[in-house]
Protein backbone atom coordinates (compact mmCIF):
# COMPACT_ATOMS: atom_id res chain seq x y z
CA MET A 1 124.17 111.75 87.39
CA SER A 2 120.66 112.86 88.56
CA GLU A 3 119.21 111.43 91.65
CA VAL A 4 116.26 109.08 91.26
CA VAL A 5 113.14 110.60 92.81
CA ASP A 6 110.54 108.35 94.43
CA VAL A 7 107.24 109.85 93.29
CA PHE A 8 105.43 107.59 95.74
CA TYR A 9 107.50 108.70 98.77
CA SER A 10 104.79 110.68 100.48
CA ALA A 11 101.97 108.18 99.80
CA ARG A 12 104.13 105.23 100.87
CA ASN A 13 105.01 106.80 104.20
CA LEU A 14 101.44 107.85 104.89
CA LEU A 15 100.43 104.20 104.30
CA TYR A 16 102.87 102.97 106.88
CA LEU A 17 101.71 105.64 109.39
CA GLY A 18 98.18 104.36 108.97
CA ALA A 19 96.96 107.58 107.33
CA TYR A 20 94.97 105.68 104.69
CA PRO A 21 92.72 108.56 103.42
CA GLN A 22 95.70 110.86 103.08
CA ALA A 23 97.65 108.18 101.26
CA LEU A 24 94.79 107.68 98.80
CA ALA A 25 94.56 111.41 98.30
CA ALA A 26 98.32 111.69 97.60
CA LEU A 27 98.09 108.85 95.07
CA ALA A 28 95.13 110.40 93.33
CA SER A 29 97.07 113.66 92.88
CA LEU A 30 99.99 112.07 91.03
CA PRO A 31 100.23 112.43 87.27
CA ARG A 32 99.07 109.66 84.96
CA SER A 33 102.67 109.14 83.89
CA VAL A 34 103.71 107.34 87.14
CA PRO A 35 104.06 103.51 87.05
CA GLU A 36 100.47 102.28 87.17
CA THR A 37 101.04 98.91 88.91
CA GLU A 38 102.82 100.55 91.83
CA ARG A 39 100.10 103.24 92.13
CA GLN A 40 97.40 100.50 92.10
CA SER A 41 99.41 98.41 94.56
CA LEU A 42 99.63 101.27 97.15
CA GLN A 43 95.95 102.24 96.56
CA TYR A 44 94.71 98.72 97.19
CA ARG A 45 96.93 98.34 100.25
CA ALA A 46 95.47 101.57 101.63
CA HIS A 47 91.98 100.24 100.99
CA LEU A 48 92.87 97.02 102.82
CA GLY A 49 94.24 99.11 105.70
CA GLN A 50 90.73 100.69 105.90
CA GLY A 51 89.17 97.21 106.02
CA ASN A 52 87.81 97.49 102.43
CA ALA A 53 88.76 93.96 101.28
CA ALA A 54 85.50 93.62 99.30
CA LEU A 55 86.34 96.72 97.17
CA VAL A 56 89.80 95.32 96.41
CA LEU A 57 88.43 91.94 95.44
CA SER A 58 85.79 93.55 93.25
CA GLU A 59 88.39 95.54 91.28
CA ILE A 60 91.14 92.91 90.92
CA PRO A 61 89.81 90.02 88.80
CA ALA A 62 90.61 86.51 89.99
CA THR A 63 92.07 85.87 86.55
CA THR A 64 94.63 88.70 86.74
CA THR A 65 98.12 87.74 85.48
CA ASN A 66 99.80 90.64 87.22
CA ALA A 67 101.85 89.05 90.01
CA THR A 68 101.67 92.09 92.32
CA LEU A 69 97.90 92.42 92.01
CA LYS A 70 97.48 88.64 92.40
CA ALA A 71 99.47 88.86 95.65
CA ILE A 72 97.22 91.65 96.79
CA ARG A 73 94.17 89.41 96.19
CA HIS A 74 95.83 86.86 98.48
CA LEU A 75 96.24 89.56 101.11
CA ALA A 76 92.59 90.55 100.75
CA GLN A 77 91.40 86.94 101.04
CA HIS A 78 93.89 85.97 103.78
CA THR A 79 95.03 83.05 101.63
CA PRO A 80 98.65 81.80 101.21
CA ILE A 81 100.75 82.49 98.19
CA SER A 82 102.01 79.48 96.31
CA SER A 83 105.64 78.52 95.85
CA GLU A 84 105.13 78.65 92.07
CA GLU A 85 104.07 82.30 92.29
CA LEU A 86 107.21 83.07 94.18
CA GLN A 87 109.57 81.44 91.74
CA VAL A 88 108.91 83.63 88.68
CA ASP A 89 112.17 85.54 88.46
CA ALA A 90 110.63 88.56 86.65
CA ASN A 91 108.21 89.06 89.58
CA LEU A 92 110.91 88.74 92.18
CA GLN A 93 112.60 91.71 90.56
CA ASP A 94 109.56 93.79 91.46
CA GLY A 95 110.06 95.23 94.93
CA GLY A 96 106.38 95.81 95.39
CA PHE A 97 105.63 92.14 94.74
CA VAL A 98 108.38 91.06 97.07
CA VAL A 99 107.02 93.24 99.92
CA ILE A 100 103.47 91.80 99.55
CA ALA A 101 104.70 88.24 99.14
CA ALA A 102 106.81 88.56 102.26
CA GLN A 103 103.86 89.91 104.20
CA LEU A 104 101.93 86.75 103.21
CA LEU A 105 104.85 84.53 104.23
CA ALA A 106 106.03 86.22 107.40
CA ALA A 107 103.61 84.56 109.80
CA LYS A 108 103.95 80.99 108.51
CA ASN A 109 107.31 80.94 106.77
CA PRO A 110 109.67 83.68 108.05
CA ASP A 111 112.72 82.01 106.52
CA GLU A 112 111.25 82.20 103.05
CA ALA A 113 110.10 85.75 103.72
CA LEU A 114 113.63 86.79 104.65
CA ARG A 115 115.00 85.06 101.57
CA ILE A 116 112.88 87.05 99.12
CA LEU A 117 113.26 90.30 101.05
CA ALA A 118 117.05 89.91 100.75
CA LEU A 119 116.59 90.34 96.97
CA HIS A 120 116.02 94.05 97.47
CA PRO A 121 118.23 95.17 100.44
CA ARG A 122 118.07 98.82 99.38
CA ASN A 123 114.30 98.86 99.09
CA ILE A 124 113.11 100.70 102.23
CA GLU A 125 109.91 98.64 102.52
CA CYS A 126 111.91 95.38 102.24
CA ALA A 127 114.35 96.58 104.89
CA ALA A 128 111.54 97.66 107.30
CA LEU A 129 109.72 94.37 106.82
CA THR A 130 112.96 92.44 107.43
CA VAL A 131 113.27 94.27 110.73
CA ALA A 132 109.65 93.26 111.57
CA VAL A 133 110.41 89.60 110.74
CA TYR A 134 113.55 89.62 112.93
CA LEU A 135 111.50 91.02 115.80
CA ARG A 136 108.83 88.36 115.30
CA LEU A 137 111.63 85.81 115.60
CA ASN A 138 112.91 87.50 118.79
CA ARG A 139 116.16 88.33 117.05
CA VAL A 140 116.37 91.87 118.39
CA ASP A 141 120.13 91.80 117.86
CA LEU A 142 119.70 91.29 114.08
CA ALA A 143 117.02 93.96 113.93
CA GLN A 144 119.34 96.42 115.72
CA LYS A 145 122.15 95.78 113.25
CA LEU A 146 119.87 96.27 110.27
CA VAL A 147 118.49 99.50 111.76
CA VAL A 148 122.01 100.87 112.07
CA GLN A 149 122.59 100.09 108.33
CA LEU A 150 119.20 101.48 107.36
CA ARG A 151 119.89 104.73 109.10
CA GLN A 152 122.96 105.24 106.87
CA TRP A 153 121.00 105.41 103.59
CA SER A 154 117.33 106.05 104.43
CA GLU A 155 117.74 109.78 105.09
CA ASP A 156 115.34 109.76 108.12
CA ALA A 157 112.38 108.43 106.06
CA PRO A 158 109.36 107.81 108.32
CA ILE A 159 109.34 104.12 107.42
CA ALA A 160 112.92 103.83 108.66
CA GLN A 161 112.00 105.77 111.81
CA LEU A 162 109.15 103.35 112.47
CA ALA A 163 111.50 100.36 112.13
CA GLU A 164 113.91 102.01 114.57
CA ALA A 165 111.13 102.70 117.05
CA TRP A 166 109.82 99.12 116.83
CA THR A 167 113.31 97.82 117.55
CA ALA A 168 113.88 100.11 120.53
CA LEU A 169 110.54 98.99 121.96
CA ALA A 170 111.40 95.30 121.48
CA ALA A 171 114.80 95.80 123.19
CA GLY A 172 112.97 96.98 126.29
CA GLY A 173 114.18 98.86 129.36
CA SER A 174 113.27 102.41 130.30
CA ALA A 175 115.96 104.03 128.14
CA LYS A 176 115.07 102.18 124.92
CA CYS A 177 111.36 102.59 125.53
CA GLY A 178 111.99 106.30 126.05
CA GLU A 179 113.70 106.38 122.68
CA ALA A 180 110.74 104.57 121.04
CA LEU A 181 108.36 107.06 122.69
CA SER A 182 110.31 110.03 121.39
CA ALA A 183 110.40 108.51 117.89
CA PHE A 184 106.63 107.96 117.77
CA GLU A 185 105.91 111.42 119.06
CA GLU A 186 108.27 112.93 116.54
CA LEU A 187 106.57 110.99 113.72
CA ALA A 188 103.18 112.14 114.83
CA HIS A 189 104.34 115.76 114.96
CA ALA A 190 106.38 115.76 111.77
CA SER A 191 103.73 114.01 109.68
CA SER A 192 100.93 116.32 110.92
CA VAL A 193 98.58 113.35 111.02
CA SER A 194 97.13 111.59 113.99
CA THR A 195 96.29 108.00 113.26
CA ALA A 196 94.98 104.99 115.18
CA ARG A 197 98.25 103.20 114.30
CA LEU A 198 100.45 105.97 115.79
CA LEU A 199 98.24 106.40 118.87
CA CYS A 200 98.34 102.63 119.40
CA SER A 201 102.15 102.60 119.12
CA LEU A 202 102.39 105.41 121.65
CA ALA A 203 100.01 103.52 123.96
CA VAL A 204 102.04 100.34 123.77
CA THR A 205 105.16 102.29 124.61
CA LYS A 206 103.39 103.93 127.59
CA MET A 207 102.42 100.45 128.80
CA HIS A 208 106.04 99.39 128.65
CA LEU A 209 106.85 102.38 130.77
CA LEU A 210 104.04 101.33 133.17
CA GLN A 211 102.02 104.47 132.37
CA PHE A 212 98.78 102.52 132.01
CA GLN A 213 96.29 105.35 132.45
CA GLU A 214 97.90 107.44 129.76
CA ALA A 215 98.03 104.36 127.55
CA MET A 216 94.28 103.77 128.14
CA GLY A 217 93.54 107.33 127.09
CA LEU A 218 95.55 107.00 123.90
CA LEU A 219 93.86 103.73 123.04
CA GLN A 220 90.43 105.21 123.60
CA ARG A 221 91.32 108.02 121.15
CA ALA A 222 92.59 105.41 118.65
CA LEU A 223 89.35 103.51 118.99
CA GLU A 224 87.31 106.59 118.20
CA MET A 225 89.32 107.05 115.02
CA ASP A 226 89.00 103.39 113.98
CA PRO A 227 86.55 101.31 115.99
CA ASN A 228 87.66 98.14 114.18
CA ASP A 229 91.39 98.48 114.35
CA PRO A 230 92.63 95.03 115.54
CA ASP A 231 95.74 96.20 117.34
CA THR A 232 93.86 98.87 119.22
CA LEU A 233 91.20 96.39 120.30
CA ALA A 234 93.84 93.93 121.41
CA ASN A 235 95.88 96.48 123.39
CA LEU A 236 92.72 97.83 125.00
CA ALA A 237 91.93 94.32 126.27
CA ILE A 238 95.53 93.92 127.52
CA CYS A 239 95.56 97.33 129.23
CA ALA A 240 92.21 96.62 130.89
CA SER A 241 93.66 93.41 132.31
CA LEU A 242 96.84 95.10 133.54
CA THR A 243 95.08 97.98 135.27
CA GLY A 244 92.02 96.08 136.52
CA ASP A 245 89.95 99.00 135.23
CA GLN A 246 87.17 98.34 132.75
CA GLU A 247 87.76 94.58 133.25
CA GLU A 248 84.06 94.02 132.36
CA ALA A 249 84.83 95.44 128.89
CA ARG A 250 87.51 92.82 128.13
CA PRO A 251 85.17 90.06 126.87
CA ARG A 252 83.42 92.59 124.57
CA LEU A 253 86.79 93.82 123.23
CA LEU A 254 87.94 90.27 122.53
CA THR A 255 84.64 89.54 120.73
CA GLN A 256 85.12 92.64 118.60
CA LEU A 257 88.68 91.56 117.93
CA ALA A 258 87.58 88.14 116.85
CA HIS A 259 85.15 89.73 114.41
CA ALA A 260 87.72 92.22 113.03
CA ALA A 261 90.74 89.85 112.89
CA PRO A 262 89.91 86.24 113.68
CA ALA A 263 93.62 85.21 113.33
CA HIS A 264 95.07 87.97 115.56
CA PRO A 265 98.08 86.80 117.53
CA LEU A 266 96.43 87.72 120.87
CA LEU A 267 93.53 85.45 120.11
CA LYS A 268 95.85 82.63 119.13
CA ASP A 269 97.80 83.09 122.36
CA ILE A 270 94.60 82.97 124.46
CA GLU A 271 93.40 79.95 122.58
CA PHE A 272 96.72 78.13 123.14
CA ALA A 273 96.85 79.11 126.81
CA SER A 274 93.31 77.94 127.38
CA ALA A 275 93.91 74.59 125.59
CA SER A 276 97.15 74.07 127.64
CA PHE A 277 95.29 74.80 130.89
CA ASP A 278 92.50 72.42 129.98
CA ALA A 279 95.02 69.72 129.10
CA ALA A 280 96.89 70.16 132.37
CA LEU A 281 93.63 70.15 134.42
CA ALA A 282 92.55 66.95 132.66
CA LYS A 283 95.79 65.26 133.64
CA LEU A 284 95.31 66.30 137.27
CA ARG A 285 91.84 64.89 137.33
CA ALA A 286 92.83 61.65 135.67
């Protein structure tokens, strides 16, 4: 029995590494015979990664009946996906649709995201996103168990290596952070691409290892590659606070972050902390 070849393997991994131009080039080089919806899905996700939501919305009509493309429109518009759209069985058999739907659900409804991701346990994107949801829920133990299972069948795919590195970083401690650092460095070397996402991941790991100056240098390089990358801006602001260096740049970085990603978790945390402080102060003055 012949082995099924994933014609999108290279493009999919480049997408997850944040190498969006290279992912688009890989997709453009594929023959016309490949599944068109999956090609379009990966292309549009790469454009969204580059911040080109307007292009995506201009090419996918609001009236589209294709569930995967409809979900991508939701991603581009930052709008929720309805329960009705999730309940169409034919769509839930499409791994691409499941991944995008879960991305939309993960922040607000992680339980539902996990439910639909479980429909495709051998889909590497579904497995990696499940790891990400577990980490968001602070269930590092569940993420670690899944990473062990993923390692058995993923054949060292970059997406699986990313999931393993995220989990090691979340586990914390110098040994685990060292593992994460090695994984990110290996990915950068093996893929022959240097991206803002990989540099930012390396920088976060360096911060966990208390190597703040090296982290700041990596983040500055990431910012040169992508001046509007939300995670780079957020981590630059955090690193500036931790080191005390460039503290004057922090308000500007947060303003840039608010423009690039108004709903970024760092901004939400700052907003919550500020409101909690104001409420406590009001009680003291009452």
